[in-house]
Structure formats: C-alpha cells, structure tokens
Amino acid sequence: MIWQQSYFNYECDHSMCNAHHIRELTFLHEEYGQDWTKGMIDFLFEVKNEVYKAQGVSFDSTTVKQFEDRYKRIVGEGMKANPPPEVNEGEKKRGRKKKSKAINLL
C-alpha cells in the first residue's frame, strides 16, 4: 500500500500529508521492523504539537534549525538502515534497480 499512485494523478501539486506519512511509517515499523520509523513518528507528532501551541506565531530560527537537524538525523538513521541497492557492473538488466519501500519513503 505504500504510495497510492492515484494520489498523484490530481491536476495540482501535491505532497504527502503527515497523516499519510504516519500511516506509511507505521506500516514499515510493523511489517518490516524499521526501528527508525518510530523516531520519525514521534518527531512529527512533537512538531505538530509545537505548531499547535504556537497558535500562528512563527518559530525563531534556532527552533527551526533544531527541528531540521533532528529530522535530518532520523532520515540519516533510515538511510543507514536501508543502504541503496548495489550496482553490479557486469549486470545486463535495463532500467533502475528496484528500491525497497523504506527507501522510497525516505
């Protein structure tokens, strides 16, 4: 279920909302044992709560930098747990190698 193709067929720019992200992260955690996803789920909820508490007031640059650094650290953990597929020089297959569901989400 990871990436619903129909979601991207609308005639406007779209990005995944955090409800979709959390659903996909939960799936990866439960079905594939991806431990880094728990950290991302917690992070997304914490940021949502901070935005709610701020009530429309912009965050200062230090807070934004802290959010960005934490996000990058969690994505880095995910990338470390899911290295890209190796490319074999002698392989004659056309096209790109299939990536895991976790890599596609990352």
Protein backbone atom coordinates (compact mmCIF):
# COMPACT_ATOMS: atom_id res chain seq x y z
CA MET A 1 0.00 0.00 0.00
CA ILE A 2 2.97 2.29 0.33
CA TRP A 3 2.41 5.23 -2.17
CA GLN A 4 -1.03 5.34 -3.61
CA GLN A 5 -0.49 6.11 -7.29
CA SER A 6 -3.92 7.70 -7.68
CA TYR A 7 -2.98 10.27 -5.03
CA PHE A 8 -0.60 11.90 -7.53
CA ASN A 9 -3.00 11.99 -10.52
CA TYR A 10 -4.75 15.22 -9.49
CA GLU A 11 -4.19 18.28 -11.67
CA CYS A 12 -2.37 20.22 -8.96
CA ASP A 13 0.83 19.98 -6.97
CA HIS A 14 0.61 17.53 -4.10
CA SER A 15 2.77 16.32 -1.30
CA MET A 16 2.05 13.67 1.25
CA CYS A 17 0.36 14.97 4.40
CA ASN A 18 1.65 13.81 7.76
CA ALA A 19 -1.35 11.52 8.28
CA HIS A 20 -0.19 9.60 5.19
CA HIS A 21 3.42 9.72 6.37
CA ILE A 22 2.49 8.31 9.77
CA ARG A 23 0.45 5.52 8.17
CA GLU A 24 3.37 4.59 5.91
CA LEU A 25 5.89 4.82 8.77
CA THR A 26 3.68 2.62 10.97
CA PHE A 27 3.42 0.05 8.15
CA LEU A 28 7.21 -0.04 7.76
CA HIS A 29 7.67 -0.40 11.50
CA GLU A 30 5.11 -3.18 11.93
CA GLU A 31 5.73 -5.15 8.72
CA TYR A 32 9.46 -4.66 8.18
CA GLY A 33 10.81 -3.89 11.65
CA GLN A 34 12.16 -0.49 10.63
CA ASP A 35 13.05 0.94 14.05
CA TRP A 36 13.96 4.43 12.77
CA THR A 37 10.31 4.98 11.83
CA LYS A 38 9.28 5.21 15.50
CA GLY A 39 11.59 8.20 15.92
CA MET A 40 10.09 9.90 12.87
CA ILE A 41 6.52 9.28 14.04
CA ASP A 42 7.34 10.76 17.46
CA PHE A 43 9.09 13.71 15.80
CA LEU A 44 6.14 14.50 13.51
CA PHE A 45 3.72 14.47 16.45
CA GLU A 46 6.01 16.63 18.57
CA VAL A 47 6.37 19.24 15.80
CA LYS A 48 2.60 19.20 15.22
CA ASN A 49 2.02 19.83 18.92
CA GLU A 50 4.56 22.66 18.98
CA VAL A 51 2.92 24.29 15.95
CA TYR A 52 -0.47 23.97 17.63
CA LYS A 53 0.84 25.55 20.85
CA ALA A 54 2.46 28.41 18.90
CA GLN A 55 -1.00 29.45 17.62
CA GLY A 56 0.18 31.04 14.39
CA VAL A 57 3.35 32.60 15.76
CA SER A 58 6.43 31.82 13.68
CA PHE A 59 9.25 29.83 15.25
CA ASP A 60 12.60 31.52 15.75
CA SER A 61 15.49 30.36 13.56
CA THR A 62 17.08 28.38 16.40
CA THR A 63 13.94 26.29 16.89
CA VAL A 64 13.58 25.71 13.15
CA LYS A 65 17.24 24.64 12.96
CA GLN A 66 16.70 22.19 15.83
CA PHE A 67 13.69 20.69 14.03
CA GLU A 68 15.67 20.43 10.79
CA ASP A 69 18.68 18.85 12.49
CA ARG A 70 16.54 16.27 14.25
CA TYR A 71 14.67 15.47 11.03
CA LYS A 72 17.95 15.00 9.12
CA ARG A 73 19.32 12.77 11.89
CA ILE A 74 16.27 10.49 11.74
CA VAL A 75 16.39 10.34 7.93
CA GLY A 76 20.11 9.53 8.24
CA GLU A 77 19.27 6.63 10.56
CA GLY A 78 16.77 5.40 8.00
CA MET A 79 19.29 5.66 5.18
CA LYS A 80 21.87 3.81 7.27
CA ALA A 81 19.36 1.02 7.92
CA ASN A 82 18.44 0.89 4.21
CA PRO A 83 21.50 1.35 2.03
CA PRO A 84 20.75 1.81 -1.67
CA PRO A 85 20.91 -1.35 -3.79
CA GLU A 86 24.35 -2.23 -5.08
CA VAL A 87 25.01 -1.88 -8.78
CA ASN A 88 26.83 -4.82 -10.33
CA GLU A 89 28.99 -3.72 -13.24
CA GLY A 90 28.55 -6.98 -15.17
CA GLU A 91 24.77 -6.97 -14.84
CA LYS A 92 22.89 -6.51 -18.13
CA LYS A 93 19.48 -5.51 -16.72
CA ARG A 94 17.91 -2.39 -18.17
CA GLY A 95 16.44 0.37 -16.05
CA ARG A 96 16.89 1.16 -12.40
CA LYS A 97 17.17 -1.42 -9.66
CA LYS A 98 14.04 -1.84 -7.59
CA LYS A 99 14.22 0.01 -4.29
CA SER A 100 12.68 -1.06 -1.01
CA LYS A 101 9.51 0.51 0.35
CA ALA A 102 11.58 2.14 3.10
CA ILE A 103 13.98 3.76 0.59
CA ASN A 104 11.05 5.03 -1.46
CA LEU A 105 9.55 6.69 1.63
CA LEU A 106 12.90 8.09 2.74
